[in-house]
Amino acid sequence: MKNKEIIKILDELSRLSHDEQWTEVEKYSIEYLELLATTAYDNLQKKYLGPKIRDDHLLTAILIERVSKIDRDFEWTDDNKLKFISVNNRFIQVFESAYNEAVSIANALEDRIKNGDIFIKDYEITIRITPYIEDVFYDQMLDENGIGFVLSEPDLRIYPIECHISRHSLGEVPIYLDKSLNWNIEYFGDTFEKDYICYEIHELLDTQRWSFYDIANIKKIHADVVVEYQNYIEDM
């Protein structure tokens, strides 16, 4: 399968209306959809000269069709259930750790403000959680990017799991830690009716174009805590 062939298909798809794109991508296999997705991603990142995709609508259509085809044949075996719950629990663990770190930093910044620090007047802390897939299934590469990379790449906002902490929200329980919201029924029927499924899983399934298979095969989860604090002059 040649890169030129994939670029040609993308070029043809990019000329269609949005509705026509949804219809056309249904014709392609999972393998082709993954190659189309990685190439479309590279196009949006301007890594090669190909069809001019002006927004990520086509990429979204490709990823959603890929999920549909994968989930259609996915089976909730005991092994897949265990893997899925393990990933779910890791998300909770990683986010709790990152949140505790963020709150500790916020409290230190609050102390500086209360003590009349000559610089800091405000701040915002962002927690960003990014999963990565390492599996033979995702080893197909096109321009050095496999589908796992495309799914987890935050710059395209395909996976924008972020929590913001500011002076106004400090002390509020973020939705990622709110266990009164259990997402164990919406996508799974009675598969996980006795389990707690976190909001991170909900985001992956609902808006981030991940399949059940993708989530079950997450091998790494990274947490970044990004701190920004400001000084400003008003009433000049």
Protein backbone atom coordinates (compact mmCIF):
# COMPACT_ATOMS: atom_id res chain seq x y z
CA MET A 1 0.00 0.00 0.00
CA LYS A 2 1.67 3.20 -1.19
CA ASN A 3 1.60 6.60 0.40
CA LYS A 4 0.58 8.10 -2.95
CA GLU A 5 -2.53 5.90 -3.01
CA ILE A 6 -3.61 7.11 0.44
CA ILE A 7 -2.97 10.75 -0.50
CA LYS A 8 -5.06 10.28 -3.65
CA ILE A 9 -7.97 8.88 -1.61
CA LEU A 10 -7.74 11.76 0.86
CA ASP A 11 -7.64 14.23 -1.99
CA GLU A 12 -10.87 12.77 -3.40
CA LEU A 13 -12.53 12.72 0.03
CA SER A 14 -11.52 16.30 0.80
CA ARG A 15 -13.41 17.52 -2.28
CA LEU A 16 -16.70 16.07 -1.05
CA SER A 17 -19.29 17.71 1.17
CA HIS A 18 -19.28 16.73 4.84
CA ASP A 19 -22.31 14.46 4.37
CA GLU A 20 -20.69 12.75 1.39
CA GLN A 21 -17.50 12.19 3.38
CA TRP A 22 -19.42 10.25 6.06
CA THR A 23 -20.88 8.01 3.35
CA GLU A 24 -17.60 7.42 1.53
CA VAL A 25 -15.43 6.51 4.54
CA GLU A 26 -17.79 3.60 5.29
CA LYS A 27 -16.32 1.80 2.27
CA TYR A 28 -12.84 1.41 3.74
CA SER A 29 -11.37 -1.32 5.93
CA ILE A 30 -9.90 -0.67 9.36
CA GLU A 31 -6.40 -0.90 7.87
CA TYR A 32 -7.16 1.74 5.26
CA LEU A 33 -8.97 3.94 7.78
CA GLU A 34 -5.90 3.94 10.03
CA LEU A 35 -3.62 4.85 7.15
CA LEU A 36 -6.03 7.57 6.08
CA ALA A 37 -6.17 8.91 9.64
CA THR A 38 -2.40 9.08 10.08
CA THR A 39 -1.98 10.81 6.72
CA ALA A 40 -4.84 13.23 7.39
CA TYR A 41 -3.24 14.04 10.72
CA ASP A 42 0.11 14.74 9.05
CA ASN A 43 -1.68 16.96 6.56
CA LEU A 44 -3.26 19.02 9.32
CA GLN A 45 0.16 19.32 10.94
CA LYS A 46 1.61 20.38 7.54
CA LYS A 47 4.16 17.57 7.50
CA TYR A 48 3.74 16.91 3.80
CA LEU A 49 2.26 18.58 0.74
CA GLY A 50 -1.01 16.84 0.01
CA PRO A 51 -4.70 17.64 -0.29
CA LYS A 52 -5.67 20.85 1.45
CA ILE A 53 -7.77 19.70 4.41
CA ARG A 54 -8.98 22.93 5.96
CA ASP A 55 -10.33 21.47 9.21
CA ASP A 56 -10.40 18.21 11.09
CA HIS A 57 -13.91 17.17 9.98
CA LEU A 58 -12.61 14.53 7.56
CA LEU A 59 -10.19 13.15 10.15
CA THR A 60 -13.05 12.97 12.66
CA ALA A 61 -15.23 11.08 10.18
CA ILE A 62 -12.41 8.60 9.49
CA LEU A 63 -11.75 8.00 13.20
CA ILE A 64 -15.43 7.54 14.04
CA GLU A 65 -15.88 5.01 11.23
CA ARG A 66 -12.80 3.16 12.44
CA VAL A 67 -14.27 2.96 15.96
CA SER A 68 -17.57 1.70 14.57
CA LYS A 69 -15.88 -1.12 12.68
CA ILE A 70 -13.64 -2.17 15.58
CA ASP A 71 -16.36 -2.09 18.24
CA ARG A 72 -18.72 -4.05 16.01
CA ASP A 73 -16.56 -7.16 16.47
CA PHE A 74 -15.24 -6.46 19.96
CA GLU A 75 -16.09 -9.10 22.58
CA TRP A 76 -16.24 -8.51 26.31
CA THR A 77 -14.24 -11.59 27.26
CA ASP A 78 -13.09 -11.97 30.86
CA ASP A 79 -9.60 -10.91 29.76
CA ASN A 80 -10.87 -7.77 28.02
CA LYS A 81 -12.98 -6.85 31.05
CA LEU A 82 -9.98 -7.16 33.35
CA LYS A 83 -7.79 -5.09 31.03
CA PHE A 84 -10.45 -2.40 30.70
CA ILE A 85 -11.05 -2.09 34.45
CA SER A 86 -7.30 -2.03 35.06
CA VAL A 87 -6.92 0.92 32.67
CA ASN A 88 -9.93 2.63 34.27
CA ASN A 89 -8.41 2.28 37.75
CA ARG A 90 -5.06 3.58 36.53
CA PHE A 91 -6.75 6.69 35.15
CA ILE A 92 -8.29 7.33 38.58
CA GLN A 93 -4.96 6.76 40.33
CA VAL A 94 -2.98 9.01 37.97
CA PHE A 95 -5.53 11.82 38.06
CA GLU A 96 -5.80 11.76 41.85
CA SER A 97 -2.01 11.99 42.12
CA ALA A 98 -1.83 14.86 39.62
CA TYR A 99 -4.72 16.68 41.31
CA ASN A 100 -3.09 16.44 44.74
CA GLU A 101 0.10 17.88 43.26
CA ALA A 102 -1.84 20.70 41.59
CA VAL A 103 -3.68 21.59 44.81
CA SER A 104 -0.40 21.62 46.73
CA ILE A 105 1.02 24.09 44.22
CA ALA A 106 -2.16 26.18 44.29
CA ASN A 107 -2.04 26.42 48.07
CA ALA A 108 1.57 27.60 47.93
CA LEU A 109 0.63 30.25 45.37
CA GLU A 110 -2.32 31.33 47.52
CA ASP A 111 0.05 31.83 50.44
CA ARG A 112 2.28 34.02 48.30
CA ILE A 113 -0.69 36.16 47.27
CA LYS A 114 -1.95 36.49 50.85
CA ASN A 115 1.53 37.47 52.02
CA GLY A 116 1.69 40.31 49.50
CA ASP A 117 4.12 38.77 47.04
CA ILE A 118 5.41 41.57 44.81
CA PHE A 119 4.88 39.56 41.63
CA ILE A 120 2.07 37.04 41.71
CA LYS A 121 -1.52 38.25 41.52
CA ASP A 122 -3.28 35.33 39.83
CA TYR A 123 -2.61 31.83 38.52
CA GLU A 124 -4.01 28.89 36.59
CA ILE A 125 -2.94 25.28 36.86
CA THR A 126 -3.75 22.75 34.14
CA ILE A 127 -3.74 18.99 34.60
CA ARG A 128 -3.36 17.15 31.30
CA ILE A 129 -3.76 13.37 31.16
CA THR A 130 -2.52 11.61 28.02
CA PRO A 131 -2.66 7.84 27.34
CA TYR A 132 -0.39 5.98 24.96
CA ILE A 133 -0.84 2.66 23.19
CA GLU A 134 2.00 0.22 22.70
CA ASP A 135 0.81 -2.82 20.82
CA VAL A 136 1.72 -4.74 17.68
CA PHE A 137 -1.73 -3.89 16.30
CA TYR A 138 -0.69 -0.23 16.11
CA ASP A 139 2.80 -0.69 14.66
CA GLN A 140 1.80 0.27 11.13
CA MET A 141 3.57 3.52 10.43
CA LEU A 142 3.04 6.22 7.87
CA ASP A 143 5.42 9.17 7.99
CA GLU A 144 6.57 7.84 11.40
CA ASN A 145 3.10 8.20 13.00
CA GLY A 146 0.96 5.20 13.89
CA ILE A 147 -2.72 5.40 14.76
CA GLY A 148 -1.90 5.24 18.48
CA PHE A 149 0.12 8.42 18.15
CA VAL A 150 -2.68 10.17 16.29
CA LEU A 151 -5.22 9.19 18.94
CA SER A 152 -3.11 10.42 21.83
CA GLU A 153 -1.66 13.56 20.23
CA PRO A 154 -3.01 16.45 22.34
CA ASP A 155 -1.99 19.25 19.97
CA LEU A 156 -4.89 18.38 17.67
CA ARG A 157 -7.27 18.35 20.64
CA ILE A 158 -8.29 14.79 19.79
CA TYR A 159 -7.63 13.91 23.38
CA PRO A 160 -8.16 17.09 25.43
CA ILE A 161 -8.51 15.60 28.91
CA GLU A 162 -7.64 18.68 30.88
CA CYS A 163 -8.66 20.01 34.26
CA HIS A 164 -8.10 23.67 35.13
CA ILE A 165 -7.59 24.92 38.66
CA SER A 166 -7.83 28.63 39.37
CA ARG A 167 -8.43 30.83 42.40
CA HIS A 168 -12.16 30.61 41.65
CA SER A 169 -12.31 26.81 41.39
CA LEU A 170 -9.89 25.83 44.15
CA GLY A 171 -11.69 23.49 46.53
CA GLU A 172 -14.30 22.32 44.01
CA VAL A 173 -14.28 18.60 43.23
CA PRO A 174 -13.43 18.18 39.51
CA ILE A 175 -15.71 15.98 37.44
CA TYR A 176 -12.84 13.51 37.01
CA LEU A 177 -12.94 12.75 40.74
CA ASP A 178 -16.70 12.98 41.27
CA LYS A 179 -17.71 9.39 42.01
CA SER A 180 -21.37 10.31 42.18
CA LEU A 181 -21.14 10.24 38.36
CA ASN A 182 -20.69 6.64 37.26
CA TRP A 183 -20.37 5.94 33.53
CA ASN A 184 -20.66 2.16 33.88
CA ILE A 185 -24.00 1.74 32.06
CA GLU A 186 -24.10 4.25 29.19
CA TYR A 187 -21.74 2.37 26.84
CA PHE A 188 -21.57 -1.08 28.35
CA GLY A 189 -25.05 -2.39 29.18
CA ASP A 190 -24.67 -4.62 32.23
CA THR A 191 -21.01 -5.49 31.54
CA PHE A 192 -19.74 -3.26 34.35
CA GLU A 193 -22.92 -2.75 36.36
CA LYS A 194 -21.07 -3.43 39.64
CA ASP A 195 -18.03 -1.33 38.79
CA TYR A 196 -17.16 2.36 38.81
CA ILE A 197 -16.20 3.74 35.37
CA CYS A 198 -14.52 7.14 35.51
CA TYR A 199 -15.17 10.27 33.48
CA GLU A 200 -11.85 9.87 31.61
CA ILE A 201 -13.24 6.69 29.99
CA HIS A 202 -16.45 8.55 29.14
CA GLU A 203 -14.44 11.25 27.35
CA LEU A 204 -12.41 8.74 25.37
CA LEU A 205 -15.54 6.98 24.15
CA ASP A 206 -17.82 9.97 23.70
CA THR A 207 -15.67 12.60 22.05
CA GLN A 208 -12.13 11.34 21.52
CA ARG A 209 -12.63 8.61 18.90
CA TRP A 210 -11.18 5.70 20.92
CA SER A 211 -12.58 2.19 20.55
CA PHE A 212 -13.06 -0.36 23.34
CA TYR A 213 -10.03 -2.18 21.94
CA ASP A 214 -7.90 0.97 22.05
CA ILE A 215 -8.72 1.66 25.69
CA ALA A 216 -8.14 -1.94 26.77
CA ASN A 217 -4.67 -1.75 25.20
CA ILE A 218 -3.47 1.50 26.79
CA LYS A 219 0.00 0.81 28.17
CA LYS A 220 1.10 4.22 29.48
CA ILE A 221 -0.65 7.22 31.02
CA HIS A 222 1.21 10.50 31.39
CA ALA A 223 0.16 13.32 33.69
CA ASP A 224 1.40 16.87 33.17
CA VAL A 225 0.80 19.63 35.70
CA VAL A 226 1.31 22.99 34.00
CA VAL A 227 1.52 26.11 36.19
CA GLU A 228 1.02 29.68 34.98
CA TYR A 229 0.98 32.68 37.28
CA GLN A 230 0.69 36.31 36.42
CA ASN A 231 1.48 39.84 37.41
CA TYR A 232 -0.47 42.66 35.82
CA ILE A 233 -0.98 46.39 36.16
CA GLU A 234 -4.47 47.84 36.01
CA ASP A 235 -5.97 51.35 35.95
CA MET A 236 -3.04 52.84 34.05
